[in-house]
Amino acid sequence: MTTTTLHAFEETDMSVQILRFTTAPERIPEVEQAVTKLFAAVDAAGPEGIDYTAMRVGPDGEFVLILRLTDANPLLDIPEAREFRARLAEWAGPVAPRPAVELGRYTR
């Protein structure tokens, strides 16, 4: 039997931003393709101090992107990231990242 203890999350210098939006079901493939292109560009650029996750939630076109940064946002220098941000309005209307406070996280 394995026991895991979760400890209170200590405040760090890491910034966490969440981008959440919903698009029409027929646009889901287009958004997923844009996410794939975005993450390929981020991988090619190889920025340090970044933890970036994108998810589709359920079948209805809801997307959540979570960006954790230890320093300045390197996505601002990646053209595909700027393009993705610009296309958000056509997929979901005006959407802005929101700061979040991480209360707990488990990584092994």
PDB file of N, CA and C in Angstrom:
ATOM      1  N   MET A   1       0.835  -1.172   0.000  1.00  0.00           N
ATOM      2  CA  MET A   1       0.000   0.000   0.000  1.00  0.00           C
ATOM      3  C   MET A   1       0.881   1.237   0.000  1.00  0.00           C
ATOM      4  N   THR A   2       0.576   2.197  -0.885  1.00  0.00           N
ATOM      5  CA  THR A   2       1.345   3.430  -0.978  1.00  0.00           C
ATOM      6  C   THR A   2       0.557   4.559  -0.342  1.00  0.00           C
ATOM      7  N   THR A   3       1.231   5.338   0.473  1.00  0.00           N
ATOM      8  CA  THR A   3       0.597   6.491   1.100  1.00  0.00           C
ATOM      9  C   THR A   3       1.257   7.746   0.575  1.00  0.00           C
ATOM     10  N   THR A   4       0.457   8.693   0.155  1.00  0.00           N
ATOM     11  CA  THR A   4       0.966   9.967  -0.329  1.00  0.00           C
ATOM     12  C   THR A   4       0.476  11.060   0.597  1.00  0.00           C
ATOM     13  N   THR A   5       1.383  11.907   1.014  1.00  0.00           N
ATOM     14  CA  THR A   5       1.020  13.028   1.870  1.00  0.00           C
ATOM     15  C   THR A   5       1.075  14.298   1.055  1.00  0.00           C
ATOM     16  N   LEU A   6      -0.003  15.052   1.079  1.00  0.00           N
ATOM     17  CA  LEU A   6      -0.034  16.345   0.408  1.00  0.00           C
ATOM     18  C   LEU A   6       0.260  17.418   1.446  1.00  0.00           C
ATOM     19  N   HIS A   7       1.180  18.265   1.141  1.00  0.00           N
ATOM     20  CA  HIS A   7       1.559  19.340   2.057  1.00  0.00           C
ATOM     21  C   HIS A   7       0.922  20.643   1.594  1.00  0.00           C
ATOM     22  N   ALA A   8       0.733  21.555   2.502  1.00  0.00           N
ATOM     23  CA  ALA A   8       0.219  22.875   2.134  1.00  0.00           C
ATOM     24  C   ALA A   8       1.136  23.470   1.087  1.00  0.00           C
ATOM     25  N   PHE A   9       0.546  24.073   0.090  1.00  0.00           N
ATOM     26  CA  PHE A   9       1.310  24.643  -1.016  1.00  0.00           C
ATOM     27  C   PHE A   9       1.979  25.932  -0.564  1.00  0.00           C
ATOM     28  N   GLU A  10       3.270  26.004  -0.702  1.00  0.00           N
ATOM     29  CA  GLU A  10       3.990  27.205  -0.309  1.00  0.00           C
ATOM     30  C   GLU A  10       3.956  28.219  -1.439  1.00  0.00           C
ATOM     31  N   GLU A  11       3.798  29.462  -1.070  1.00  0.00           N
ATOM     32  CA  GLU A  11       3.774  30.537  -2.060  1.00  0.00           C
ATOM     33  C   GLU A  11       5.143  30.623  -2.732  1.00  0.00           C
ATOM     34  N   THR A  12       5.150  30.742  -4.055  1.00  0.00           N
ATOM     35  CA  THR A  12       6.396  30.833  -4.810  1.00  0.00           C
ATOM     36  C   THR A  12       6.356  32.082  -5.672  1.00  0.00           C
ATOM     37  N   ASP A  13       7.428  32.291  -6.404  1.00  0.00           N
ATOM     38  CA  ASP A  13       7.504  33.423  -7.324  1.00  0.00           C
ATOM     39  C   ASP A  13       6.882  33.074  -8.676  1.00  0.00           C
ATOM     40  N   MET A  14       6.204  31.955  -8.766  1.00  0.00           N
ATOM     41  CA  MET A  14       5.627  31.523 -10.030  1.00  0.00           C
ATOM     42  C   MET A  14       4.306  32.245 -10.270  1.00  0.00           C
ATOM     43  N   SER A  15       4.157  32.752 -11.474  1.00  0.00           N
ATOM     44  CA  SER A  15       2.918  33.391 -11.907  1.00  0.00           C
ATOM     45  C   SER A  15       2.069  32.339 -12.615  1.00  0.00           C
ATOM     46  N   VAL A  16       0.781  32.332 -12.338  1.00  0.00           N
ATOM     47  CA  VAL A  16      -0.120  31.387 -12.986  1.00  0.00           C
ATOM     48  C   VAL A  16      -1.223  32.177 -13.679  1.00  0.00           C
ATOM     49  N   GLN A  17      -1.416  31.902 -14.964  1.00  0.00           N
ATOM     50  CA  GLN A  17      -2.470  32.538 -15.755  1.00  0.00           C
ATOM     51  C   GLN A  17      -3.354  31.452 -16.337  1.00  0.00           C
ATOM     52  N   ILE A  18      -4.666  31.698 -16.311  1.00  0.00           N
ATOM     53  CA  ILE A  18      -5.613  30.752 -16.893  1.00  0.00           C
ATOM     54  C   ILE A  18      -6.408  31.453 -17.979  1.00  0.00           C
ATOM     55  N   LEU A  19      -6.518  30.786 -19.101  1.00  0.00           N
ATOM     56  CA  LEU A  19      -7.334  31.270 -20.214  1.00  0.00           C
ATOM     57  C   LEU A  19      -8.413  30.225 -20.438  1.00  0.00           C
ATOM     58  N   ARG A  20      -9.669  30.647 -20.315  1.00  0.00           N
ATOM     59  CA  ARG A  20     -10.794  29.718 -20.447  1.00  0.00           C
ATOM     60  C   ARG A  20     -11.781  30.302 -21.441  1.00  0.00           C
ATOM     61  N   PHE A  21     -12.187  29.480 -22.415  1.00  0.00           N
ATOM     62  CA  PHE A  21     -13.154  29.959 -23.395  1.00  0.00           C
ATOM     63  C   PHE A  21     -13.946  28.793 -23.964  1.00  0.00           C
ATOM     64  N   THR A  22     -15.086  29.130 -24.544  1.00  0.00           N
ATOM     65  CA  THR A  22     -15.934  28.149 -25.202  1.00  0.00           C
ATOM     66  C   THR A  22     -16.175  28.605 -26.627  1.00  0.00           C
ATOM     67  N   THR A  23     -16.085  27.669 -27.544  1.00  0.00           N
ATOM     68  CA  THR A  23     -16.321  27.963 -28.948  1.00  0.00           C
ATOM     69  C   THR A  23     -17.450  27.069 -29.466  1.00  0.00           C
ATOM     70  N   ALA A  24     -17.941  27.384 -30.623  1.00  0.00           N
ATOM     71  CA  ALA A  24     -18.999  26.583 -31.239  1.00  0.00           C
ATOM     72  C   ALA A  24     -18.461  25.183 -31.547  1.00  0.00           C
ATOM     73  N   PRO A  25     -19.278  24.164 -31.399  1.00  0.00           N
ATOM     74  CA  PRO A  25     -18.827  22.787 -31.641  1.00  0.00           C
ATOM     75  C   PRO A  25     -18.168  22.584 -33.006  1.00  0.00           C
ATOM     76  N   GLU A  26     -18.667  23.248 -34.039  1.00  0.00           N
ATOM     77  CA  GLU A  26     -18.070  23.066 -35.367  1.00  0.00           C
ATOM     78  C   GLU A  26     -16.669  23.671 -35.477  1.00  0.00           C
ATOM     79  N   ARG A  27     -16.276  24.512 -34.498  1.00  0.00           N
ATOM     80  CA  ARG A  27     -14.939  25.128 -34.531  1.00  0.00           C
ATOM     81  C   ARG A  27     -13.916  24.357 -33.694  1.00  0.00           C
ATOM     82  N   ILE A  28     -14.369  23.324 -33.004  1.00  0.00           N
ATOM     83  CA  ILE A  28     -13.460  22.547 -32.152  1.00  0.00           C
ATOM     84  C   ILE A  28     -12.241  22.035 -32.924  1.00  0.00           C
ATOM     85  N   PRO A  29     -12.397  21.409 -34.096  1.00  0.00           N
ATOM     86  CA  PRO A  29     -11.203  20.937 -34.819  1.00  0.00           C
ATOM     87  C   PRO A  29     -10.226  22.068 -35.164  1.00  0.00           C
ATOM     88  N   GLU A  30     -10.762  23.213 -35.531  1.00  0.00           N
ATOM     89  CA  GLU A  30      -9.920  24.371 -35.867  1.00  0.00           C
ATOM     90  C   GLU A  30      -9.107  24.827 -34.654  1.00  0.00           C
ATOM     91  N   VAL A  31      -9.748  24.902 -33.491  1.00  0.00           N
ATOM     92  CA  VAL A  31      -9.048  25.314 -32.273  1.00  0.00           C
ATOM     93  C   VAL A  31      -8.007  24.264 -31.887  1.00  0.00           C
ATOM     94  N   GLU A  32      -8.371  22.990 -31.964  1.00  0.00           N
ATOM     95  CA  GLU A  32      -7.415  21.938 -31.625  1.00  0.00           C
ATOM     96  C   GLU A  32      -6.202  21.963 -32.543  1.00  0.00           C
ATOM     97  N   GLN A  33      -6.430  22.229 -33.814  1.00  0.00           N
ATOM     98  CA  GLN A  33      -5.325  22.338 -34.772  1.00  0.00           C
ATOM     99  C   GLN A  33      -4.426  23.539 -34.412  1.00  0.00           C
ATOM    100  N   ALA A  34      -5.040  24.651 -34.019  1.00  0.00           N
ATOM    101  CA  ALA A  34      -4.273  25.834 -33.626  1.00  0.00           C
ATOM    102  C   ALA A  34      -3.476  25.575 -32.345  1.00  0.00           C
ATOM    103  N   VAL A  35      -4.038  24.817 -31.410  1.00  0.00           N
ATOM    104  CA  VAL A  35      -3.316  24.461 -30.183  1.00  0.00           C
ATOM    105  C   VAL A  35      -2.113  23.585 -30.529  1.00  0.00           C
ATOM    106  N   THR A  36      -2.299  22.623 -31.438  1.00  0.00           N
ATOM    107  CA  THR A  36      -1.193  21.767 -31.857  1.00  0.00           C
ATOM    108  C   THR A  36      -0.068  22.601 -32.473  1.00  0.00           C
ATOM    109  N   LYS A  37      -0.428  23.548 -33.324  1.00  0.00           N
ATOM    110  CA  LYS A  37       0.558  24.433 -33.953  1.00  0.00           C
ATOM    111  C   LYS A  37       1.260  25.295 -32.901  1.00  0.00           C
ATOM    112  N   LEU A  38       0.494  25.821 -31.958  1.00  0.00           N
ATOM    113  CA  LEU A  38       1.050  26.649 -30.879  1.00  0.00           C
ATOM    114  C   LEU A  38       2.067  25.857 -30.072  1.00  0.00           C
ATOM    115  N   PHE A  39       1.697  24.648 -29.649  1.00  0.00           N
ATOM    116  CA  PHE A  39       2.605  23.867 -28.810  1.00  0.00           C
ATOM    117  C   PHE A  39       3.833  23.377 -29.576  1.00  0.00           C
ATOM    118  N   ALA A  40       3.704  23.131 -30.861  1.00  0.00           N
ATOM    119  CA  ALA A  40       4.881  22.778 -31.668  1.00  0.00           C
ATOM    120  C   ALA A  40       5.855  23.955 -31.715  1.00  0.00           C
ATOM    121  N   ALA A  41       5.319  25.158 -31.841  1.00  0.00           N
ATOM    122  CA  ALA A  41       6.180  26.354 -31.884  1.00  0.00           C
ATOM    123  C   ALA A  41       6.846  26.596 -30.530  1.00  0.00           C
ATOM    124  N   VAL A  42       6.101  26.405 -29.448  1.00  0.00           N
ATOM    125  CA  VAL A  42       6.681  26.565 -28.113  1.00  0.00           C
ATOM    126  C   VAL A  42       7.781  25.532 -27.908  1.00  0.00           C
ATOM    127  N   ASP A  43       7.522  24.289 -28.308  1.00  0.00           N
ATOM    128  CA  ASP A  43       8.522  23.238 -28.176  1.00  0.00           C
ATOM    129  C   ASP A  43       9.778  23.574 -28.982  1.00  0.00           C
ATOM    130  N   ALA A  44       9.592  24.084 -30.195  1.00  0.00           N
ATOM    131  CA  ALA A  44      10.741  24.447 -31.036  1.00  0.00           C
ATOM    132  C   ALA A  44      11.535  25.596 -30.427  1.00  0.00           C
ATOM    133  N   ALA A  45      10.842  26.552 -29.818  1.00  0.00           N
ATOM    134  CA  ALA A  45      11.532  27.697 -29.203  1.00  0.00           C
ATOM    135  C   ALA A  45      12.245  27.279 -27.916  1.00  0.00           C
ATOM    136  N   GLY A  46      11.674  26.307 -27.215  1.00  0.00           N
ATOM    137  CA  GLY A  46      12.309  25.765 -26.007  1.00  0.00           C
ATOM    138  C   GLY A  46      12.514  26.754 -24.874  1.00  0.00           C
ATOM    139  N   PRO A  47      11.536  27.598 -24.555  1.00  0.00           N
ATOM    140  CA  PRO A  47      11.768  28.559 -23.474  1.00  0.00           C
ATOM    141  C   PRO A  47      11.906  27.871 -22.114  1.00  0.00           C
ATOM    142  N   GLU A  48      12.706  28.454 -21.245  1.00  0.00           N
ATOM    143  CA  GLU A  48      12.901  27.955 -19.879  1.00  0.00           C
ATOM    144  C   GLU A  48      11.916  28.639 -18.942  1.00  0.00           C
ATOM    145  N   GLY A  49      11.665  28.031 -17.797  1.00  0.00           N
ATOM    146  CA  GLY A  49      10.839  28.643 -16.772  1.00  0.00           C
ATOM    147  C   GLY A  49       9.368  28.726 -17.123  1.00  0.00           C
ATOM    148  N   ILE A  50       8.876  27.763 -17.892  1.00  0.00           N
ATOM    149  CA  ILE A  50       7.487  27.779 -18.346  1.00  0.00           C
ATOM    150  C   ILE A  50       6.893  26.376 -18.191  1.00  0.00           C
ATOM    151  N   ASP A  51       5.659  26.343 -17.765  1.00  0.00           N
ATOM    152  CA  ASP A  51       4.870  25.107 -17.707  1.00  0.00           C
ATOM    153  C   ASP A  51       3.542  25.479 -18.351  1.00  0.00           C
ATOM    154  N   TYR A  52       3.224  24.876 -19.478  1.00  0.00           N
ATOM    155  CA  TYR A  52       2.070  25.284 -20.279  1.00  0.00           C
ATOM    156  C   TYR A  52       1.218  24.059 -20.569  1.00  0.00           C
ATOM    157  N   THR A  53      -0.065  24.148 -20.310  1.00  0.00           N
ATOM    158  CA  THR A  53      -0.992  23.041 -20.512  1.00  0.00           C
ATOM    159  C   THR A  53      -2.221  23.557 -21.244  1.00  0.00           C
ATOM    160  N   ALA A  54      -2.706  22.782 -22.200  1.00  0.00           N
ATOM    161  CA  ALA A  54      -3.965  23.100 -22.888  1.00  0.00           C
ATOM    162  C   ALA A  54      -4.867  21.878 -22.802  1.00  0.00           C
ATOM    163  N   MET A  55      -6.158  22.131 -22.546  1.00  0.00           N
ATOM    164  CA  MET A  55      -7.119  21.044 -22.423  1.00  0.00           C
ATOM    165  C   MET A  55      -8.430  21.421 -23.095  1.00  0.00           C
ATOM    166  N   ARG A  56      -9.092  20.421 -23.642  1.00  0.00           N
ATOM    167  CA  ARG A  56     -10.489  20.585 -24.034  1.00  0.00           C
ATOM    168  C   ARG A  56     -11.296  19.892 -22.954  1.00  0.00           C
ATOM    169  N   VAL A  57     -12.300  20.589 -22.437  1.00  0.00           N
ATOM    170  CA  VAL A  57     -13.108  20.066 -21.340  1.00  0.00           C
ATOM    171  C   VAL A  57     -14.443  19.585 -21.905  1.00  0.00           C
ATOM    172  N   GLY A  58     -14.668  18.302 -21.866  1.00  0.00           N
ATOM    173  CA  GLY A  58     -15.921  17.750 -22.366  1.00  0.00           C
ATOM    174  C   GLY A  58     -16.044  17.884 -23.871  1.00  0.00           C
ATOM    175  N   PRO A  59     -17.216  17.557 -24.391  1.00  0.00           N
ATOM    176  CA  PRO A  59     -17.414  17.544 -25.842  1.00  0.00           C
ATOM    177  C   PRO A  59     -17.957  18.849 -26.424  1.00  0.00           C
ATOM    178  N   ASP A  60     -18.170  19.861 -25.591  1.00  0.00           N
ATOM    179  CA  ASP A  60     -18.934  21.038 -26.023  1.00  0.00           C
ATOM    180  C   ASP A  60     -18.124  22.259 -26.429  1.00  0.00           C
ATOM    181  N   GLY A  61     -16.850  22.126 -26.661  1.00  0.00           N
ATOM    182  CA  GLY A  61     -16.070  23.266 -27.144  1.00  0.00           C
ATOM    183  C   GLY A  61     -15.506  24.158 -26.067  1.00  0.00           C
ATOM    184  N   GLU A  62     -15.394  23.659 -24.836  1.00  0.00           N
ATOM    185  CA  GLU A  62     -14.770  24.439 -23.770  1.00  0.00           C
ATOM    186  C   GLU A  62     -13.278  24.101 -23.726  1.00  0.00           C
ATOM    187  N   PHE A  63     -12.450  25.144 -23.673  1.00  0.00           N
ATOM    188  CA  PHE A  63     -10.997  24.983 -23.630  1.00  0.00           C
ATOM    189  C   PHE A  63     -10.447  25.726 -22.427  1.00  0.00           C
ATOM    190  N   VAL A  64      -9.383  25.163 -21.850  1.00  0.00           N
ATOM    191  CA  VAL A  64      -8.688  25.785 -20.733  1.00  0.00           C
ATOM    192  C   VAL A  64      -7.198  25.679 -21.024  1.00  0.00           C
ATOM    193  N   LEU A  65      -6.502  26.817 -20.941  1.00  0.00           N
ATOM    194  CA  LEU A  65      -5.049  26.837 -21.060  1.00  0.00           C
ATOM    195  C   LEU A  65      -4.499  27.386 -19.758  1.00  0.00           C
ATOM    196  N   ILE A  66      -3.498  26.709 -19.211  1.00  0.00           N
ATOM    197  CA  ILE A  66      -2.886  27.108 -17.953  1.00  0.00           C
ATOM    198  C   ILE A  66      -1.410  27.350 -18.218  1.00  0.00           C
ATOM    199  N   LEU A  67      -0.972  28.546 -17.867  1.00  0.00           N
ATOM    200  CA  LEU A  67       0.417  28.955 -18.087  1.00  0.00           C
ATOM    201  C   LEU A  67       1.051  29.293 -16.746  1.00  0.00           C
ATOM    202  N   ARG A  68       2.119  28.583 -16.414  1.00  0.00           N
ATOM    203  CA  ARG A  68       2.881  28.867 -15.200  1.00  0.00           C
ATOM    204  C   ARG A  68       4.237  29.412 -15.630  1.00  0.00           C
ATOM    205  N   LEU A  69       4.600  30.552 -15.053  1.00  0.00           N
ATOM    206  CA  LEU A  69       5.845  31.220 -15.424  1.00  0.00           C
ATOM    207  C   LEU A  69       6.689  31.532 -14.196  1.00  0.00           C
ATOM    208  N   THR A  70       7.998  31.413 -14.332  1.00  0.00           N
ATOM    209  CA  THR A  70       8.894  31.839 -13.262  1.00  0.00           C
ATOM    210  C   THR A  70       9.510  33.196 -13.568  1.00  0.00           C
ATOM    211  N   ASP A  71       9.310  33.673 -14.783  1.00  0.00           N
ATOM    212  CA  ASP A  71       9.911  34.945 -15.199  1.00  0.00           C
ATOM    213  C   ASP A  71       8.972  35.606 -16.202  1.00  0.00           C
ATOM    214  N   ALA A  72       9.512  36.467 -17.046  1.00  0.00           N
ATOM    215  CA  ALA A  72       8.712  37.138 -18.078  1.00  0.00           C
ATOM    216  C   ALA A  72       8.107  36.110 -19.029  1.00  0.00           C
ATOM    217  N   ASN A  73       7.017  36.472 -19.664  1.00  0.00           N
ATOM    218  CA  ASN A  73       6.295  35.565 -20.551  1.00  0.00           C
ATOM    219  C   ASN A  73       7.010  35.416 -21.893  1.00  0.00           C
ATOM    220  N   PRO A  74       7.636  34.251 -22.157  1.00  0.00           N
ATOM    221  CA  PRO A  74       8.341  34.042 -23.428  1.00  0.00           C
ATOM    222  C   PRO A  74       7.391  33.860 -24.608  1.00  0.00           C
ATOM    223  N   LEU A  75       6.105  33.613 -24.345  1.00  0.00           N
ATOM    224  CA  LEU A  75       5.157  33.434 -25.442  1.00  0.00           C
ATOM    225  C   LEU A  75       4.995  34.715 -26.257  1.00  0.00           C
ATOM    226  N   LEU A  76       5.257  35.839 -25.642  1.00  0.00           N
ATOM    227  CA  LEU A  76       5.136  37.116 -26.349  1.00  0.00           C
ATOM    228  C   LEU A  76       6.099  37.215 -27.532  1.00  0.00           C
ATOM    229  N   ASP A  77       7.160  36.408 -27.500  1.00  0.00           N
ATOM    230  CA  ASP A  77       8.171  36.424 -28.568  1.00  0.00           C
ATOM    231  C   ASP A  77       7.970  35.303 -29.593  1.00  0.00           C
ATOM    232  N   ILE A  78       6.910  34.519 -29.446  1.00  0.00           N
ATOM    233  CA  ILE A  78       6.669  33.397 -30.355  1.00  0.00           C
ATOM    234  C   ILE A  78       5.502  33.770 -31.273  1.00  0.00           C
ATOM    235  N   PRO A  79       5.758  33.933 -32.580  1.00  0.00           N
ATOM    236  CA  PRO A  79       4.702  34.377 -33.503  1.00  0.00           C
ATOM    237  C   PRO A  79       3.431  33.530 -33.452  1.00  0.00           C
ATOM    238  N   GLU A  80       3.563  32.215 -33.332  1.00  0.00           N
ATOM    239  CA  GLU A  80       2.388  31.348 -33.296  1.00  0.00           C
ATOM    240  C   GLU A  80       1.545  31.593 -32.041  1.00  0.00           C
ATOM    241  N   ALA A  81       2.183  31.969 -30.953  1.00  0.00           N
ATOM    242  CA  ALA A  81       1.440  32.290 -29.724  1.00  0.00           C
ATOM    243  C   ALA A  81       0.674  33.596 -29.908  1.00  0.00           C
ATOM    244  N   ARG A  82       1.292  34.558 -30.548  1.00  0.00           N
ATOM    245  CA  ARG A  82       0.591  35.826 -30.824  1.00  0.00           C
ATOM    246  C   ARG A  82      -0.568  35.581 -31.793  1.00  0.00           C
ATOM    247  N   GLU A  83      -0.362  34.726 -32.784  1.00  0.00           N
ATOM    248  CA  GLU A  83      -1.425  34.398 -33.743  1.00  0.00           C
ATOM    249  C   GLU A  83      -2.595  33.703 -33.040  1.00  0.00           C
ATOM    250  N   PHE A  84      -2.283  32.756 -32.151  1.00  0.00           N
ATOM    251  CA  PHE A  84      -3.327  32.068 -31.408  1.00  0.00           C
ATOM    252  C   PHE A  84      -4.145  33.070 -30.601  1.00  0.00           C
ATOM    253  N   ARG A  85      -3.482  33.951 -29.933  1.00  0.00           N
ATOM    254  CA  ARG A  85      -4.144  34.983 -29.109  1.00  0.00           C
ATOM    255  C   ARG A  85      -5.050  35.864 -29.973  1.00  0.00           C
ATOM    256  N   ALA A  86      -4.579  36.229 -31.159  1.00  0.00           N
ATOM    257  CA  ALA A  86      -5.368  37.075 -32.049  1.00  0.00           C
ATOM    258  C   ALA A  86      -6.621  36.354 -32.554  1.00  0.00           C
ATOM    259  N   ARG A  87      -6.538  35.042 -32.728  1.00  0.00           N
ATOM    260  CA  ARG A  87      -7.674  34.277 -33.258  1.00  0.00           C
ATOM    261  C   ARG A  87      -8.733  33.965 -32.206  1.00  0.00           C
ATOM    262  N   LEU A  88      -8.424  34.162 -30.938  1.00  0.00           N
ATOM    263  CA  LEU A  88      -9.388  33.891 -29.882  1.00  0.00           C
ATOM    264  C   LEU A  88     -10.697  34.630 -30.089  1.00  0.00           C
ATOM    265  N   ALA A  89     -10.625  35.868 -30.521  1.00  0.00           N
ATOM    266  CA  ALA A  89     -11.847  36.667 -30.712  1.00  0.00           C
ATOM    267  C   ALA A  89     -12.785  36.028 -31.733  1.00  0.00           C
ATOM    268  N   GLU A  90     -12.242  35.445 -32.800  1.00  0.00           N
ATOM    269  CA  GLU A  90     -13.115  34.810 -33.797  1.00  0.00           C
ATOM    270  C   GLU A  90     -13.687  33.490 -33.285  1.00  0.00           C
ATOM    271  N   TRP A  91     -13.003  32.825 -32.361  1.00  0.00           N
ATOM    272  CA  TRP A  91     -13.502  31.572 -31.816  1.00  0.00           C
ATOM    273  C   TRP A  91     -14.490  31.784 -30.668  1.00  0.00           C
ATOM    274  N   ALA A  92     -14.238  32.825 -29.842  1.00  0.00           N
ATOM    275  CA  ALA A  92     -15.002  32.920 -28.591  1.00  0.00           C
ATOM    276  C   ALA A  92     -15.358  34.339 -28.165  1.00  0.00           C
ATOM    277  N   GLY A  93     -15.035  35.333 -28.975  1.00  0.00           N
ATOM    278  CA  GLY A  93     -15.261  36.711 -28.533  1.00  0.00           C
ATOM    279  C   GLY A  93     -14.094  37.175 -27.674  1.00  0.00           C
ATOM    280  N   PRO A  94     -14.242  38.305 -27.016  1.00  0.00           N
ATOM    281  CA  PRO A  94     -13.127  38.817 -26.199  1.00  0.00           C
ATOM    282  C   PRO A  94     -12.840  37.898 -25.004  1.00  0.00           C
ATOM    283  N   VAL A  95     -11.612  37.446 -24.924  1.00  0.00           N
ATOM    284  CA  VAL A  95     -11.187  36.572 -23.832  1.00  0.00           C
ATOM    285  C   VAL A  95      -9.826  37.064 -23.352  1.00  0.00           C
ATOM    286  N   ALA A  96      -9.665  37.165 -22.046  1.00  0.00           N
ATOM    287  CA  ALA A  96      -8.382  37.595 -21.491  1.00  0.00           C
ATOM    288  C   ALA A  96      -7.897  36.574 -20.470  1.00  0.00           C
ATOM    289  N   PRO A  97      -6.590  36.355 -20.401  1.00  0.00           N
ATOM    290  CA  PRO A  97      -6.061  35.479 -19.356  1.00  0.00           C
ATOM    291  C   PRO A  97      -6.363  36.095 -17.989  1.00  0.00           C
ATOM    292  N   ARG A  98      -6.589  35.239 -17.025  1.00  0.00           N
ATOM    293  CA  ARG A  98      -6.855  35.704 -15.668  1.00  0.00           C
ATOM    294  C   ARG A  98      -5.798  35.131 -14.742  1.00  0.00           C
ATOM    295  N   PRO A  99      -5.308  35.949 -13.821  1.00  0.00           N
ATOM    296  CA  PRO A  99      -4.343  35.425 -12.854  1.00  0.00           C
ATOM    297  C   PRO A  99      -5.032  34.438 -11.919  1.00  0.00           C
ATOM    298  N   ALA A 100      -4.281  33.461 -11.481  1.00  0.00           N
ATOM    299  CA  ALA A 100      -4.811  32.453 -10.566  1.00  0.00           C
ATOM    300  C   ALA A 100      -3.798  32.213  -9.452  1.00  0.00           C
ATOM    301  N   VAL A 101      -4.287  31.785  -8.317  1.00  0.00           N
ATOM    302  CA  VAL A 101      -3.426  31.428  -7.192  1.00  0.00           C
ATOM    303  C   VAL A 101      -3.480  29.913  -7.063  1.00  0.00           C
ATOM    304  N   GLU A 102      -2.348  29.290  -7.216  1.00  0.00           N
ATOM    305  CA  GLU A 102      -2.280  27.839  -7.136  1.00  0.00           C
ATOM    306  C   GLU A 102      -2.292  27.430  -5.674  1.00  0.00           C
ATOM    307  N   LEU A 103      -3.261  26.635  -5.283  1.00  0.00           N
ATOM    308  CA  LEU A 103      -3.419  26.224  -3.895  1.00  0.00           C
ATOM    309  C   LEU A 103      -2.836  24.848  -3.611  1.00  0.00           C
ATOM    310  N   GLY A 104      -2.693  24.066  -4.644  1.00  0.00           N
ATOM    311  CA  GLY A 104      -2.116  22.740  -4.474  1.00  0.00           C
ATOM    312  C   GLY A 104      -1.738  22.166  -5.815  1.00  0.00           C
ATOM    313  N   ARG A 105      -0.718  21.341  -5.809  1.00  0.00           N
ATOM    314  CA  ARG A 105      -0.280  20.709  -7.049  1.00  0.00           C
ATOM    315  C   ARG A 105       0.558  19.501  -6.670  1.00  0.00           C
ATOM    316  N   TYR A 106       0.334  18.425  -7.346  1.00  0.00           N
ATOM    317  CA  TYR A 106       1.113  17.224  -7.116  1.00  0.00           C
ATOM    318  C   TYR A 106       1.766  16.828  -8.418  1.00  0.00           C
ATOM    319  N   THR A 107       3.081  16.678  -8.403  1.00  0.00           N
ATOM    320  CA  THR A 107       3.846  16.206  -9.552  1.00  0.00           C
ATOM    321  C   THR A 107       4.836  15.183  -9.033  1.00  0.00           C
ATOM    322  N   ARG A 108       4.925  14.084  -9.718  1.00  0.00           N
ATOM    323  CA  ARG A 108       5.876  13.066  -9.285  1.00  0.00           C
ATOM    324  C   ARG A 108       6.968  12.958 -10.293  1.00  0.00           C
TER     325      ARG A 108
END
